[in-house]
Amino acid sequence: MKFTINGLILLCIVYSSLVSAANNVKLHVAYADVDSFPFQIGNSTQVVDPPGLSIEIIRQAAKDIGLDVEFSRYPNKRVLKALYTGEVDGACTFSFKKKRLQSGLYPMKNGKLDKENRVGTISYYFYKLKGTALKYDGKTLTGNNENIGANTGYSIVSDLKGMGIGVEEVKTTSQNFSKLILKRISGVAHQDIDADPLIAAKGYTNIEKLLPAIKSKPYFLMLGHEFVAEHPLIAEKLWNRIGEIRDRKTKDILHKYKYDM
């Protein structure tokens, strides 16, 4: 019992020291200036209120460990560049791509990506107008697959091109589905957590979601190489705390996010 109590005391001391150390560190996190409902809200360079699930989860995790966090919004392609140059300390939210390791780091465990410490999971699906020829069997998209809409800077763009699919990129989700309604594109590849509420809010009853998902990917807060090198324990604690609170925090705040037409 004595060892258990002493161990607990030591753990408390270590945790208190870490929180104290985090109080003297400021984390600057960048994310894109386009709406990705409900993970980040608003097509603006401003951080709006409410800001989105991802922002709230990261902010709460940082607060819990005593870390001061500031958010800025940049054009999507500039976010990783700012992380690479050290202009910012963190970037959210990104799926794992090996080439992105040049810009920053993901939470890792035993040399492998630690999916438990993700900010969230996003699934991509194809959407089409009902009655059109587009079909997806989980591997191949058939029909008119020469002009599929996707959001600029989203990871799905490179995935589609790798499948031999023609892609038309626009900035926002609303633009993509407006083009689909007008039959300017044959389909849209997008995140269902964003697309489904928009379709419902705008009353697009003639749009069909194709199953199965194109892909489902966990998304993460990336931290800069310099930040992790200077504050390795704080970085690890922040990633761990995100994993600890993610599901509970999402459940607690999801009611605040209703798609704005």
Protein backbone atom coordinates (compact mmCIF):
# COMPACT_ATOMS: atom_id res chain seq x y z
CA MET A 1 0.00 0.00 0.00
CA LYS A 2 2.88 2.32 0.83
CA PHE A 3 4.31 1.86 -2.67
CA THR A 4 0.91 2.53 -4.24
CA ILE A 5 0.42 5.75 -2.29
CA ASN A 6 3.95 6.93 -3.01
CA GLY A 7 3.50 6.11 -6.67
CA LEU A 8 0.27 8.08 -6.77
CA ILE A 9 1.92 11.04 -5.08
CA LEU A 10 4.79 10.91 -7.56
CA LEU A 11 2.32 10.77 -10.46
CA CYS A 12 0.50 13.82 -9.12
CA ILE A 13 3.78 15.71 -8.75
CA VAL A 14 4.81 14.87 -12.30
CA TYR A 15 1.40 15.88 -13.69
CA SER A 16 1.40 19.13 -11.70
CA SER A 17 4.88 19.91 -12.97
CA LEU A 18 3.80 19.27 -16.53
CA VAL A 19 0.75 21.53 -16.21
CA SER A 20 2.94 24.20 -14.63
CA ALA A 21 5.40 23.94 -17.50
CA ALA A 22 2.58 24.13 -20.04
CA ASN A 23 1.38 27.36 -18.45
CA ASN A 24 4.54 29.04 -19.75
CA VAL A 25 4.09 27.80 -23.32
CA LYS A 26 1.84 29.22 -26.03
CA LEU A 27 0.60 27.07 -28.90
CA HIS A 28 -0.34 28.77 -32.19
CA VAL A 29 -2.61 26.54 -34.30
CA ALA A 30 -3.69 27.23 -37.88
CA TYR A 31 -6.68 25.83 -39.76
CA ALA A 32 -8.29 26.48 -43.13
CA ASP A 33 -10.52 29.46 -43.88
CA VAL A 34 -13.22 27.26 -45.43
CA ASP A 35 -16.20 25.64 -43.75
CA SER A 36 -15.98 21.92 -43.01
CA PHE A 37 -19.14 21.44 -40.99
CA PRO A 38 -19.23 20.57 -38.15
CA PHE A 39 -15.47 20.29 -37.56
CA GLN A 40 -14.66 23.88 -38.49
CA ILE A 41 -17.21 26.59 -39.12
CA GLY A 42 -17.31 29.58 -41.46
CA ASN A 43 -15.76 30.62 -44.76
CA SER A 44 -13.67 33.35 -43.24
CA THR A 45 -10.24 34.28 -41.92
CA GLN A 46 -11.94 34.89 -38.58
CA VAL A 47 -12.40 32.33 -35.81
CA VAL A 48 -16.17 32.32 -35.37
CA ASP A 49 -18.34 31.25 -32.44
CA PRO A 50 -19.03 28.39 -32.25
CA PRO A 51 -15.82 27.53 -34.12
CA GLY A 52 -16.42 23.84 -34.83
CA LEU A 53 -15.97 20.48 -33.11
CA SER A 54 -12.25 20.16 -33.88
CA ILE A 55 -11.43 23.61 -32.55
CA GLU A 56 -13.45 23.08 -29.37
CA ILE A 57 -11.86 19.69 -28.70
CA ILE A 58 -8.32 21.02 -29.14
CA ARG A 59 -9.08 24.13 -27.10
CA GLN A 60 -10.51 22.05 -24.23
CA ALA A 61 -7.59 19.61 -24.27
CA ALA A 62 -5.10 22.49 -24.17
CA LYS A 63 -6.99 24.12 -21.31
CA ASP A 64 -7.03 20.86 -19.36
CA ILE A 65 -3.23 20.63 -19.40
CA GLY A 66 -2.75 24.35 -18.76
CA LEU A 67 -1.60 25.20 -22.29
CA ASP A 68 -2.43 28.58 -23.82
CA VAL A 69 -3.65 28.09 -27.40
CA GLU A 70 -4.29 30.65 -30.14
CA PHE A 71 -6.05 29.86 -33.43
CA SER A 72 -5.56 31.51 -36.83
CA ARG A 73 -7.21 30.79 -40.17
CA TYR A 74 -5.32 30.67 -43.46
CA PRO A 75 -6.07 29.54 -47.03
CA ASN A 76 -6.02 25.75 -46.94
CA LYS A 77 -2.77 25.25 -48.85
CA ARG A 78 -0.98 27.79 -46.65
CA VAL A 79 -1.76 25.96 -43.40
CA LEU A 80 0.82 23.18 -43.83
CA LYS A 81 3.33 25.62 -45.29
CA ALA A 82 3.01 27.77 -42.16
CA LEU A 83 3.58 24.66 -40.04
CA TYR A 84 6.65 23.73 -42.09
CA THR A 85 8.22 27.19 -41.79
CA GLY A 86 7.49 27.45 -38.06
CA GLU A 87 5.07 30.36 -38.53
CA VAL A 88 2.62 28.30 -36.46
CA ASP A 89 3.11 25.46 -33.97
CA GLY A 90 0.17 23.29 -34.95
CA ALA A 91 -2.26 22.63 -37.79
CA CYS A 92 -5.69 20.99 -37.83
CA THR A 93 -7.23 18.81 -38.86
CA PHE A 94 -5.33 16.53 -41.21
CA SER A 95 -5.50 12.89 -42.23
CA PHE A 96 -2.23 11.00 -42.30
CA LYS A 97 -0.08 11.34 -45.38
CA LYS A 98 3.57 10.40 -45.31
CA LYS A 99 4.61 13.48 -47.27
CA ARG A 100 3.00 15.70 -44.64
CA LEU A 101 5.65 14.54 -42.16
CA GLN A 102 7.92 17.08 -43.83
CA SER A 103 5.67 19.79 -42.39
CA GLY A 104 4.89 18.39 -38.96
CA LEU A 105 4.22 15.40 -36.75
CA TYR A 106 1.25 13.23 -35.82
CA PRO A 107 0.63 11.44 -32.51
CA MET A 108 2.57 8.18 -32.60
CA LYS A 109 2.75 5.08 -30.40
CA ASN A 110 5.47 2.46 -30.74
CA GLY A 111 6.46 3.95 -34.08
CA LYS A 112 2.93 3.76 -35.51
CA LEU A 113 0.18 6.31 -35.98
CA ASP A 114 -1.84 6.54 -32.76
CA LYS A 115 -5.42 6.60 -34.03
CA GLU A 116 -6.76 6.71 -30.47
CA ASN A 117 -5.55 10.30 -30.23
CA ARG A 118 -7.38 11.50 -33.33
CA VAL A 119 -9.51 14.64 -33.24
CA GLY A 120 -12.24 12.88 -35.21
CA THR A 121 -13.08 10.50 -38.05
CA ILE A 122 -14.34 11.61 -41.43
CA SER A 123 -15.87 9.40 -44.11
CA TYR A 124 -16.09 10.35 -47.77
CA TYR A 125 -18.94 9.26 -50.06
CA PHE A 126 -20.02 9.82 -53.64
CA TYR A 127 -23.24 11.75 -54.23
CA LYS A 128 -25.22 11.88 -57.46
CA LEU A 129 -28.60 12.97 -58.82
CA LYS A 130 -31.18 10.21 -58.54
CA GLY A 131 -31.73 8.31 -61.77
CA THR A 132 -28.30 9.07 -63.21
CA ALA A 133 -25.84 6.40 -64.28
CA LEU A 134 -23.13 6.93 -61.67
CA LYS A 135 -22.44 3.74 -59.64
CA TYR A 136 -19.81 2.76 -57.06
CA ASP A 137 -19.04 -0.80 -55.95
CA GLY A 138 -16.44 0.05 -53.32
CA LYS A 139 -13.57 -0.06 -55.80
CA THR A 140 -14.63 1.39 -59.13
CA LEU A 141 -16.79 4.37 -60.05
CA THR A 142 -18.69 3.76 -63.29
CA GLY A 143 -20.89 6.01 -65.38
CA ASN A 144 -19.77 9.55 -66.14
CA ASN A 145 -16.74 9.78 -63.86
CA GLU A 146 -14.94 12.51 -65.81
CA ASN A 147 -16.24 15.44 -63.77
CA ILE A 148 -16.63 14.72 -60.06
CA GLY A 149 -16.74 17.73 -57.76
CA ALA A 150 -14.51 18.01 -54.70
CA ASN A 151 -13.32 20.76 -52.37
CA THR A 152 -9.95 22.33 -53.12
CA GLY A 153 -7.21 21.16 -50.76
CA TYR A 154 -9.14 18.18 -49.41
CA SER A 155 -7.29 14.85 -49.30
CA ILE A 156 -9.99 13.19 -51.39
CA VAL A 157 -8.79 15.10 -54.47
CA SER A 158 -5.56 13.13 -54.78
CA ASP A 159 -7.43 9.89 -53.98
CA LEU A 160 -9.86 10.47 -56.84
CA LYS A 161 -7.10 11.30 -59.28
CA GLY A 162 -5.33 8.11 -58.21
CA MET A 163 -8.51 6.21 -59.13
CA GLY A 164 -8.40 7.73 -62.60
CA ILE A 165 -11.38 9.99 -61.92
CA GLY A 166 -11.65 13.48 -63.40
CA VAL A 167 -11.96 16.11 -60.64
CA GLU A 168 -13.40 19.62 -60.70
CA GLU A 169 -12.34 21.57 -57.62
CA VAL A 170 -14.21 24.44 -55.96
CA LYS A 171 -13.77 26.19 -52.63
CA THR A 172 -16.97 25.31 -50.76
CA THR A 173 -19.35 22.40 -50.24
CA SER A 174 -22.36 24.52 -51.24
CA GLN A 175 -20.75 25.32 -54.60
CA ASN A 176 -20.22 21.63 -55.32
CA PHE A 177 -23.81 20.64 -54.64
CA SER A 178 -25.18 23.66 -56.51
CA LYS A 179 -23.18 22.50 -59.55
CA LEU A 180 -24.58 18.98 -59.12
CA ILE A 181 -28.16 20.27 -58.99
CA LEU A 182 -27.50 22.26 -62.17
CA LYS A 183 -26.02 19.10 -63.79
CA ARG A 184 -22.68 20.79 -64.39
CA ILE A 185 -20.95 17.84 -62.74
CA SER A 186 -22.01 14.20 -62.56
CA GLY A 187 -21.25 13.67 -58.88
CA VAL A 188 -19.66 15.00 -55.72
CA ALA A 189 -17.13 13.30 -53.45
CA HIS A 190 -17.44 14.70 -49.98
CA GLN A 191 -17.51 14.09 -46.24
CA ASP A 192 -20.93 12.84 -45.16
CA ILE A 193 -20.82 14.67 -41.84
CA ASP A 194 -20.75 17.89 -43.86
CA ALA A 195 -22.71 16.92 -46.98
CA ASP A 196 -25.70 15.18 -45.36
CA PRO A 197 -26.78 18.16 -43.21
CA LEU A 198 -26.41 20.52 -46.19
CA ILE A 199 -28.55 18.26 -48.40
CA ALA A 200 -31.23 18.08 -45.70
CA ALA A 201 -31.12 21.82 -44.97
CA LYS A 202 -31.48 22.79 -48.63
CA GLY A 203 -34.15 20.19 -49.35
CA TYR A 204 -32.19 18.41 -52.07
CA THR A 205 -34.50 15.39 -52.23
CA ASN A 206 -33.17 14.36 -55.65
CA ILE A 207 -29.62 13.73 -54.44
CA GLU A 208 -28.56 10.17 -53.63
CA LYS A 209 -25.65 9.04 -51.45
CA LEU A 210 -23.77 6.04 -52.86
CA LEU A 211 -22.65 3.21 -50.57
CA PRO A 212 -20.15 2.07 -49.45
CA ALA A 213 -17.88 4.91 -48.32
CA ILE A 214 -14.97 5.83 -50.58
CA LYS A 215 -12.80 5.93 -47.48
CA SER A 216 -12.96 6.59 -43.75
CA LYS A 217 -10.00 8.32 -42.18
CA PRO A 218 -9.04 9.58 -38.75
CA TYR A 219 -8.01 13.23 -38.59
CA PHE A 220 -5.43 14.74 -36.28
CA LEU A 221 -3.89 17.83 -34.80
CA MET A 222 -0.41 18.05 -36.32
CA LEU A 223 2.36 19.71 -34.32
CA GLY A 224 5.47 21.35 -35.75
CA HIS A 225 8.88 19.70 -35.57
CA GLU A 226 10.33 22.59 -33.57
CA PHE A 227 7.48 22.62 -31.06
CA VAL A 228 7.73 18.87 -30.41
CA ALA A 229 11.52 19.04 -30.12
CA GLU A 230 11.31 21.87 -27.58
CA HIS A 231 8.29 20.56 -25.66
CA PRO A 232 8.05 16.78 -26.17
CA LEU A 233 6.18 16.05 -22.93
CA ILE A 234 3.67 18.83 -23.51
CA ALA A 235 3.07 17.62 -27.08
CA GLU A 236 2.47 14.07 -25.90
CA LYS A 237 0.18 15.21 -23.10
CA LEU A 238 -1.87 17.36 -25.48
CA TRP A 239 -2.34 14.53 -27.99
CA ASN A 240 -3.24 12.12 -25.17
CA ARG A 241 -5.75 14.56 -23.71
CA ILE A 242 -7.42 14.99 -27.10
CA GLY A 243 -7.90 11.22 -27.23
CA GLU A 244 -9.27 11.16 -23.68
CA ILE A 245 -11.92 13.87 -24.12
CA ARG A 246 -12.83 13.60 -27.83
CA ASP A 247 -15.93 11.41 -27.65
CA ARG A 248 -17.32 12.97 -24.49
CA LYS A 249 -16.71 16.52 -25.69
CA THR A 250 -18.28 15.78 -29.07
CA LYS A 251 -21.40 14.38 -27.40
CA ASP A 252 -21.64 17.38 -25.07
CA ILE A 253 -21.40 20.09 -27.74
CA LEU A 254 -22.83 18.52 -30.91
CA HIS A 255 -26.25 20.08 -30.24
CA LYS A 256 -24.77 23.52 -30.96
CA TYR A 257 -24.04 22.65 -34.58
CA LYS A 258 -26.95 22.87 -36.97
CA TYR A 259 -26.23 23.47 -40.62
CA ASP A 260 -26.70 27.13 -41.60
CA MET A 261 -28.25 27.44 -45.03
